[in-house]
Protein backbone atom coordinates (compact mmCIF):
# COMPACT_ATOMS: atom_id res chain seq x y z
CA MET A 1 39.40 -53.99 27.27
CA PRO A 2 42.78 -52.85 28.38
CA GLU A 3 42.04 -50.94 32.52
CA PRO A 4 41.69 -47.44 32.46
CA TYR A 5 45.05 -46.49 34.74
CA SER A 6 47.37 -48.92 32.32
CA ARG A 7 49.67 -46.82 31.18
CA HIS A 8 50.68 -46.65 27.48
CA ILE A 9 53.66 -47.17 24.92
CA LEU A 10 53.54 -46.47 21.66
CA ALA A 11 56.12 -48.25 19.18
CA ALA A 12 57.57 -47.88 15.65
CA ASP A 13 59.41 -50.36 13.23
CA ILE A 14 60.48 -48.58 10.44
CA GLY A 15 62.07 -50.28 7.26
CA GLY A 16 63.22 -49.47 3.76
CA THR A 17 59.75 -50.08 3.13
CA ASN A 18 56.84 -49.92 5.47
CA CYS A 19 56.50 -47.91 8.32
CA ARG A 20 54.57 -49.79 10.89
CA LEU A 21 53.45 -47.95 14.03
CA ALA A 22 51.16 -48.99 17.31
CA ARG A 23 50.20 -48.31 20.51
CA PHE A 24 50.00 -50.72 23.43
CA ALA A 25 48.80 -50.56 26.97
CA LEU A 26 50.89 -51.93 29.58
CA THR A 27 48.44 -53.43 32.43
CA PRO A 28 49.02 -53.29 35.90
CA GLN A 29 50.08 -56.78 35.89
CA GLY A 30 52.66 -55.87 33.33
CA GLU A 31 50.96 -57.63 30.38
CA LEU A 32 50.96 -56.19 26.75
CA MET A 33 48.16 -55.49 25.08
CA LYS A 34 48.25 -54.12 21.54
CA GLU A 35 45.09 -51.64 21.07
CA ARG A 36 45.88 -50.24 17.28
CA SER A 37 48.81 -51.05 14.35
CA VAL A 38 48.89 -48.87 10.98
CA TRP A 39 51.49 -49.21 8.45
CA LEU A 40 52.63 -46.71 6.20
CA GLU A 41 54.91 -46.39 3.33
CA SER A 42 58.59 -45.41 4.79
CA PRO A 43 59.59 -42.82 1.81
CA GLY A 44 56.75 -40.77 2.76
CA LEU A 45 58.10 -39.84 6.09
CA ALA A 46 60.90 -37.23 5.15
CA THR A 47 61.87 -36.14 8.76
CA THR A 48 61.25 -36.35 12.75
CA GLU A 49 58.45 -34.30 12.57
CA HIS A 50 56.38 -36.28 9.93
CA LEU A 51 56.91 -39.39 11.71
CA MET A 52 55.47 -37.61 15.06
CA ALA A 53 52.75 -36.16 13.33
CA ALA A 54 51.92 -39.49 11.79
CA LEU A 55 52.30 -41.17 15.08
CA GLU A 56 49.93 -38.39 17.07
CA ARG A 57 47.47 -39.01 13.45
CA GLU A 58 47.24 -42.33 13.44
CA LEU A 59 47.34 -43.37 17.40
CA ALA A 60 45.72 -40.53 18.71
CA LEU A 61 48.29 -40.07 21.10
CA HIS A 62 51.80 -38.45 20.58
CA PRO A 63 55.06 -39.28 22.22
CA ALA A 64 54.95 -36.65 24.45
CA ALA A 65 51.46 -37.51 26.17
CA ALA A 66 52.75 -41.75 25.87
CA ASP A 67 54.46 -43.20 29.05
CA ALA A 68 57.41 -43.97 26.56
CA THR A 69 57.67 -44.11 23.29
CA VAL A 70 60.32 -46.74 21.25
CA LEU A 71 61.59 -46.45 17.31
CA ALA A 72 63.23 -49.05 16.13
CA ILE A 73 64.68 -48.20 12.69
CA GLY A 74 66.32 -50.09 9.74
CA GLY A 75 70.23 -48.65 10.57
CA PRO A 76 72.76 -47.25 13.02
CA VAL A 77 71.18 -45.56 15.92
CA HIS A 78 73.58 -43.56 18.30
CA ASP A 79 72.65 -42.51 21.61
CA GLY A 80 69.83 -44.02 22.30
CA LEU A 81 68.33 -40.53 20.57
CA THR A 82 69.63 -40.63 16.86
CA GLY A 83 69.05 -43.24 13.91
CA ARG A 84 68.99 -43.39 10.29
CA LEU A 85 67.88 -45.75 7.64
CA THR A 86 70.77 -47.42 5.77
CA ASN A 87 67.95 -48.98 3.17
CA GLY A 88 66.11 -44.60 2.54
CA SER A 89 66.50 -41.16 3.48
CA LEU A 90 65.11 -40.88 6.98
CA GLU A 91 66.70 -39.54 10.01
CA VAL A 92 65.16 -39.77 13.24
CA ASP A 93 66.28 -37.26 16.46
CA LEU A 94 64.38 -37.35 19.41
CA ARG A 95 66.65 -34.75 21.35
CA PRO A 96 64.42 -32.06 21.37
CA LEU A 97 61.95 -34.09 22.39
CA ALA A 98 64.28 -35.85 25.16
CA ALA A 99 65.14 -32.70 26.20
CA ARG A 100 61.78 -31.11 27.57
CA GLY A 101 62.21 -33.98 30.62
CA GLY A 102 59.15 -36.26 29.92
CA PRO A 103 58.31 -39.31 29.54
CA PRO A 104 61.36 -41.83 28.37
CA VAL A 105 61.57 -41.80 24.40
CA ARG A 106 64.26 -43.84 22.82
CA VAL A 107 65.71 -44.79 19.16
CA ILE A 108 66.79 -48.93 18.85
CA ASN A 109 67.86 -50.51 15.60
CA ASP A 110 65.04 -52.43 14.27
CA PHE A 111 66.68 -55.87 15.19
CA VAL A 112 67.24 -54.84 19.07
CA ALA A 113 63.30 -54.58 18.64
CA GLN A 114 63.43 -58.37 16.66
CA ALA A 115 65.39 -59.47 19.64
CA CYS A 116 63.28 -57.99 22.39
CA ALA A 117 60.18 -59.97 20.58
CA CYS A 118 61.72 -63.00 21.48
CA LEU A 119 61.48 -62.50 25.04
CA THR A 120 57.09 -62.26 24.56
CA ASP A 121 54.98 -64.74 24.02
CA LEU A 122 55.08 -64.18 20.41
CA GLY A 123 58.67 -64.98 20.23
CA GLU A 124 58.11 -68.04 22.65
CA GLY A 125 55.08 -69.31 20.23
CA ALA A 126 57.10 -68.97 17.14
CA ARG A 127 56.72 -71.86 15.10
CA ARG A 128 59.97 -74.42 15.70
CA LEU A 129 61.85 -75.55 12.33
CA TRP A 130 64.54 -77.58 13.94
CA PRO A 131 64.97 -79.64 15.94
CA CYS A 132 61.35 -81.34 15.22
CA ALA A 133 59.37 -81.15 18.61
CA ASP A 134 59.28 -84.65 19.31
CA ALA A 135 63.24 -84.72 18.55
CA SER A 136 63.94 -82.45 21.17
CA LYS A 137 61.15 -83.01 24.23
CA ASP A 138 64.04 -84.41 26.41
CA ARG A 139 66.44 -82.28 25.28
CA PRO A 140 65.21 -78.87 25.75
CA ALA A 141 66.78 -75.27 25.40
CA PRO A 142 68.62 -74.37 28.05
CA LEU A 143 66.26 -71.21 29.41
CA ARG A 144 69.23 -68.68 30.07
CA ALA A 145 71.68 -69.01 27.21
CA PRO A 146 72.18 -66.43 24.69
CA ARG A 147 69.43 -66.08 22.07
CA ALA A 148 69.99 -64.84 18.53
CA VAL A 149 67.98 -63.56 15.81
CA ILE A 150 68.42 -62.79 12.18
CA GLY A 151 66.18 -61.28 9.11
CA ALA A 152 66.08 -60.69 5.23
CA GLY A 153 63.63 -58.06 4.03
CA THR A 154 65.12 -54.79 2.60
CA GLY A 155 68.03 -55.60 4.03
CA LEU A 156 69.45 -57.63 6.11
CA GLY A 157 69.35 -57.99 10.13
CA VAL A 158 71.18 -59.49 13.22
CA ALA A 159 71.29 -59.02 17.02
CA VAL A 160 71.47 -60.88 20.31
CA LEU A 161 70.55 -61.51 23.62
CA TYR A 162 72.35 -62.25 26.56
CA PRO A 163 71.34 -63.60 29.62
CA LEU A 164 72.87 -61.20 32.85
CA ASP A 165 73.51 -64.16 35.10
CA MET A 166 76.39 -65.11 32.35
CA ALA A 167 78.26 -62.19 33.97
CA LEU A 168 76.49 -61.36 37.28
CA PRO A 169 75.28 -64.55 38.81
CA GLY A 170 71.56 -64.48 39.86
CA ALA A 171 70.84 -61.65 38.13
CA ASP A 172 67.61 -61.42 36.34
CA GLY A 173 66.88 -60.03 32.42
CA TRP A 174 68.84 -59.61 29.59
CA LEU A 175 71.55 -57.53 27.80
CA VAL A 176 70.36 -56.49 24.06
CA ALA A 177 73.15 -56.59 22.00
CA PRO A 178 72.88 -54.70 18.86
CA SER A 179 74.65 -55.32 15.66
CA GLU A 180 75.73 -54.32 12.12
CA GLY A 181 76.49 -57.83 11.36
CA GLY A 182 74.03 -57.83 8.09
CA HIS A 183 76.91 -55.64 6.70
CA ALA A 184 79.68 -58.24 6.89
CA ALA A 185 81.30 -59.34 3.68
CA PHE A 186 79.48 -62.30 2.79
CA PRO A 187 81.64 -65.90 2.30
CA PHE A 188 81.03 -67.97 -1.16
CA VAL A 189 82.19 -71.24 -2.00
CA GLY A 190 82.87 -72.42 -5.44
CA ASP A 191 83.58 -71.35 -8.94
CA GLU A 192 79.43 -70.76 -9.20
CA GLU A 193 78.98 -68.79 -6.30
CA ASN A 194 82.32 -66.65 -7.40
CA ALA A 195 80.80 -66.05 -10.67
CA PHE A 196 77.56 -64.79 -8.96
CA HIS A 197 79.51 -62.78 -6.67
CA ASP A 198 81.42 -61.36 -9.32
CA PHE A 199 77.79 -60.55 -11.24
CA LEU A 200 76.56 -59.34 -7.68
CA ARG A 201 79.16 -57.22 -7.36
CA LYS A 202 79.04 -55.77 -10.88
CA LYS A 203 75.16 -54.73 -10.57
CA LEU A 204 75.59 -53.26 -7.28
CA LYS A 205 79.12 -51.43 -8.19
CA LEU A 206 80.93 -53.01 -4.69
CA ASN A 207 84.38 -53.90 -4.32
CA ALA A 208 83.08 -57.05 -2.20
CA ALA A 209 79.13 -57.91 -1.22
CA ARG A 210 78.08 -57.99 2.21
CA GLY A 211 74.39 -60.47 3.53
CA ASP A 212 72.33 -57.26 3.10
CA ASP A 213 73.51 -57.44 -1.08
CA VAL A 214 72.84 -61.38 -0.70
CA LEU A 215 69.53 -61.75 1.19
CA SER A 216 68.11 -58.84 0.91
CA GLY A 217 65.33 -58.10 -1.31
CA ARG A 218 67.26 -57.01 -4.39
CA GLY A 219 70.04 -59.67 -3.51
CA LEU A 220 66.72 -62.27 -3.92
CA ALA A 221 65.99 -60.64 -7.63
CA ILE A 222 69.60 -60.36 -8.87
CA LEU A 223 70.08 -63.87 -7.83
CA HIS A 224 67.04 -64.93 -9.62
CA GLU A 225 68.21 -62.92 -12.83
CA PHE A 226 71.69 -64.22 -12.53
CA LEU A 227 70.30 -68.09 -12.61
CA THR A 228 67.43 -67.63 -14.97
CA GLY A 229 67.86 -63.83 -17.04
CA GLU A 230 64.97 -63.00 -15.71
CA ARG A 231 64.16 -59.40 -14.21
CA LEU A 232 61.69 -59.21 -11.69
CA SER A 233 61.02 -57.31 -8.74
CA PRO A 234 61.79 -59.29 -5.22
CA GLY A 235 58.07 -59.42 -4.84
CA GLU A 236 57.67 -61.42 -8.07
CA VAL A 237 60.78 -63.44 -7.65
CA GLY A 238 59.27 -64.44 -4.43
CA ARG A 239 55.96 -65.51 -5.81
CA ARG A 240 57.22 -67.42 -9.20
CA ALA A 241 60.62 -69.08 -7.33
CA LEU A 242 60.15 -69.62 -3.54
CA SER A 243 57.37 -71.50 -3.60
CA SER A 244 58.67 -74.57 -4.96
CA ALA A 245 61.92 -76.91 -5.71
CA THR A 246 63.46 -73.72 -8.57
CA GLY A 247 66.89 -73.03 -8.79
CA THR A 248 66.66 -69.37 -6.83
CA LEU A 249 64.71 -71.61 -4.23
CA CYS A 250 67.93 -74.02 -4.00
CA TRP A 251 70.38 -71.00 -4.24
CA TYR A 252 68.62 -68.36 -2.05
CA ALA A 253 67.84 -71.08 0.95
CA ARG A 254 71.71 -72.16 0.70
CA PHE A 255 72.38 -68.82 1.38
CA TYR A 256 70.22 -68.03 3.80
CA GLY A 257 71.82 -71.66 5.99
CA ARG A 258 74.98 -69.96 5.75
CA ALA A 259 74.35 -66.81 7.17
CA CYS A 260 72.22 -68.59 10.22
CA ARG A 261 75.19 -71.44 10.50
CA ASN A 262 77.68 -68.31 10.89
CA LEU A 263 75.46 -66.71 13.45
CA MET A 264 75.13 -69.52 15.38
CA LEU A 265 78.76 -70.36 15.61
CA SER A 266 79.99 -66.55 16.26
CA THR A 267 77.44 -66.13 19.12
CA LEU A 268 76.98 -69.57 20.61
CA CYS A 269 73.13 -68.87 21.09
CA THR A 270 72.60 -72.28 22.66
CA GLY A 271 68.95 -70.52 23.69
CA GLY A 272 67.92 -70.78 19.94
CA LEU A 273 68.02 -68.97 16.74
CA TRP A 274 64.99 -66.96 15.80
CA ILE A 275 64.28 -65.93 11.99
CA ALA A 276 62.36 -62.64 11.21
CA GLY A 277 61.86 -60.57 8.17
CA GLY A 278 59.27 -60.77 5.64
CA ILE A 279 60.96 -62.93 2.94
CA ALA A 280 61.01 -65.72 5.30
CA ALA A 281 57.42 -65.22 6.96
CA HIS A 282 56.18 -64.98 3.37
CA ASN A 283 58.35 -67.31 2.04
CA PRO A 284 58.93 -70.27 4.29
CA LEU A 285 60.25 -73.21 2.32
CA CYS A 286 63.17 -70.62 1.63
CA ILE A 287 64.66 -71.88 5.57
CA GLY A 288 62.27 -75.09 5.39
CA CYS A 289 64.09 -77.09 2.40
CA ALA A 290 66.45 -79.60 2.20
CA GLU A 291 69.28 -77.01 1.06
CA PHE A 292 68.60 -74.54 4.29
CA CYS A 293 69.04 -77.07 7.00
CA ASP A 294 72.18 -78.96 4.95
CA GLU A 295 73.75 -75.99 4.71
CA LEU A 296 72.69 -74.48 8.45
CA ARG A 297 74.86 -77.89 9.51
CA ALA A 298 77.64 -77.78 7.80
CA ALA A 299 80.50 -77.29 9.63
CA PRO A 300 83.08 -79.85 10.44
CA GLY A 301 82.86 -80.90 14.05
CA PHE A 302 80.17 -78.77 14.73
CA SER A 303 76.76 -80.68 12.57
CA GLY A 304 75.68 -82.54 15.67
CA TRP A 305 75.81 -79.16 18.16
CA LEU A 306 73.92 -77.02 15.80
CA GLY A 307 71.48 -79.28 15.14
CA GLU A 308 70.74 -79.26 18.81
CA ILE A 309 70.02 -75.53 18.65
CA PRO A 310 66.34 -74.54 18.20
CA VAL A 311 65.63 -72.41 15.34
CA ARG A 312 62.03 -70.95 15.20
CA LEU A 313 60.42 -68.29 12.65
CA LEU A 314 58.68 -65.59 13.55
CA GLU A 315 55.49 -65.76 11.06
CA ASP A 316 54.12 -62.37 12.50
CA VAL A 317 55.23 -59.20 10.45
CA GLU A 318 54.59 -57.31 13.51
CA SER A 319 57.30 -58.67 15.60
CA GLY A 320 59.10 -55.99 15.60
CA LEU A 321 55.83 -53.65 17.14
CA TRP A 322 56.09 -56.10 20.17
CA GLY A 323 59.94 -56.25 20.19
CA ALA A 324 59.98 -52.30 20.41
CA ALA A 325 56.78 -52.21 23.02
CA GLN A 326 58.73 -54.93 25.18
CA TYR A 327 62.09 -52.69 24.84
CA GLY A 328 59.46 -50.02 25.91
CA ARG A 329 57.89 -52.20 28.82
CA MET A 330 61.35 -52.92 29.94
CA LEU A 331 62.76 -48.92 30.26
CA LEU A 332 59.79 -48.48 32.14
CA GLY A 333 60.74 -50.97 34.85
CA GLN A 334 63.99 -49.90 35.06
CA LEU A 335 62.48 -45.96 35.88
CA ASN A 336 60.90 -47.92 38.48
CA GLY A 337 63.76 -49.51 40.03
CA ALA A 338 62.72 -53.60 39.25
CA SER A 339 65.47 -55.63 37.73
């Protein structure tokens, strides 16, 4: 049990489908302990007031009474206090609460939270996909090197962690760089893939498809329809087509591997790549099959280098909550003068 003088951090991970809430204790030794977590449906939270009421009702603590509150949202964030869902209608505004001058509150992008999760025991213990432990034991990844995180679910998110000593020798800590890279145009290769691109564009009424359109749940469902003619929900496609060597699995894994490779090349994340998000967590074959691995390393002149970067899977679907709590811990450390 947490000691009675532990501080408390409220965390939320708000996506287009699910809203996860949790209360964490931060012990005097600086350890995070999850006391309680609940899941709600995001469409049921229409306003900031609804969200604040849900935090108090479900976690028995209002943000004004917590030591810190960090809300991670799947969409763009402004000034650390406002944000909105990309795949939903919720807009969060903590400016009135912050104006009271009470405990610190922040709104962060959901993949800033996923990046912070990489700094927790959850991230360090994430299952390694590549290279295998035996192949890499003599070549450990540098601890103080950039790390990247990517994940597909209702949307596609990416973020990067940079060690501060890259810019300030001797500095401790990390810079978490948010990104909307999931909305960059997705590269298609060859006639078959471009035929799918045309099909996808017409379905979604787009000029050009983005990674968010290709790798999200809706993109998975459209890909399956293109390949088979079947119209299924994303969850049903996962159950039927991502657990064995189907055409849908091969195509989707190839697309996921390409997105990971491009992120690795653009960030030089020699400290590792972490894969988060519900699709990979529930359907690990899509990032563990040969099509994914082959596409991950399909870069002339960089194949060997890419093959040495550790790739891990964040299997805990509450990793975003742990990351938001970690952000809160770093925030309290800054307020207390820690490096």
